[in-house]
Amino acid sequence: MVQEQVVIEKKEVLNYINLLMDSLSTIKDNTGEFLLNFDGLIVDDKSWNVWNWPQGVGLYGIYKYYQLTRDPKAIAIITDWFKARFEEGIPPKNVNTMAPLLTLAFLYEDTNDRTFLPYLEDWAEWVMRDMPRTKEDGLQHMTYGPENKDQLWDDTLMMTVLPLAKIGKLLNKHEYLEEAKKQFLIHINYLSDRKTGLWFHGWTFEGNHNYAEALWGRGNCWITIAIPEIIEILELKEGDFLREFLINTLNRQVDALAKYQDQSGLWHTVINDESSYLETSASAGFAYGILKGVHKGYIYQEYKEVAYKAIHGIIREIDAKGVLQKVSVGTGMGDTMDFYKEIKLTTMPYGQSLAVLCLAEFLHDYN
């Protein structure tokens, strides 16, 4: 697989990234098919010009590419998005609407634009003081619509805890950093599957169970991304207990992922269920986290071949217009395996950006 990697020239990878960004920044739900209706509250997860988690992940994927290349096109997409959203007005706070704050925190670090500071301070304080908690003080996965009382979801680490940690680092808020560490430990305790090393989608303290016990692909990919990111954001040094604990957790997950990878390079939407469809957004997240873990020395070099195989599989799913195929739509908590297997497929902002994320990390291998 290392030999296969060299046939993709750097200019080809850059072209794919540009196509993906072009497609990402023009995504709309023109038919309303994918709008979510929560008792009259309409939520658009598909369109680009909306402040929510799909767009937050999208911004971060483009920003990580910008960090590496300083491509003016990439930063223009990001700054134009924030400018338009600020003019429209900020939505209510929840786990998912916190996601864009991660990229905003990096922008503040780059530019020292003081107009960003009130947003960073306000949202971080909301997480610390007002965000609903589960038993044992976990961050309750509150979103638009359902309360999700006493529920932990693996998405929360990506959407809320990473932004909190980055803001804490920027603003020298020790309590934010300690909160981020605590949340990782709580979520590992209740969501990591001891049999496989993979992660369950959610946990409820009300019923004390992991719902369908689904080892869902995209939920798992948030962890493969979030562990390397939190180590970097917190600047955890070698010998630090939490760093070693997180690296061990990541290695167990990646070892299982390597075993379940399809010959195409992709993973099934329920990772250990070959009857479920192959899904690209999770596969791109895995490729990024594995490759970054290898680059940082967190996981064994042999896993680079797993990431390369995934990247080749992802590239095969990018069409001529830069649209990533086989992306599952936003997925709530499921009580059965069939719930996950029946989720629809369409173009989504996070699919585009997770592909950008893994291809940007792949660019390091040309240096």
Foldseek 3Di string as FASTA:
>chain_A
DVVVLVVQDPVNLVVLLVLLVVCLQQWDDPPCPPWDQQPNDTDDQFHCLDQWQLVLLLLVLLVLLCVQPVPVVSVCSNVVSVVSDVVVPQDDDFLTSQSNLLNLLVVCVVPVPCVSVVVLVVNLVCQVPPQDAAPVGARQRQDPHDRSHQKDFLVSLNRPLLSLLLSCLVVVPVVSVVVSLVNVVVQCVQFQDPVQLAGQGMAHPVVGDSQQSFSFQQSRLSLLQNLVSSCVSNVDDPPDPSNLVSLVSNQSRLVSQVVQQDQLLFAFRRRNDPVAHTAQLSLLSNLLSQLVCVVVVSYDPVCPVSSSSSLNSQVVQQDPSSFGWRHFPDADRHNHPVSRRPGDIDGHSSSSSSNSNNSSSVSVVVD
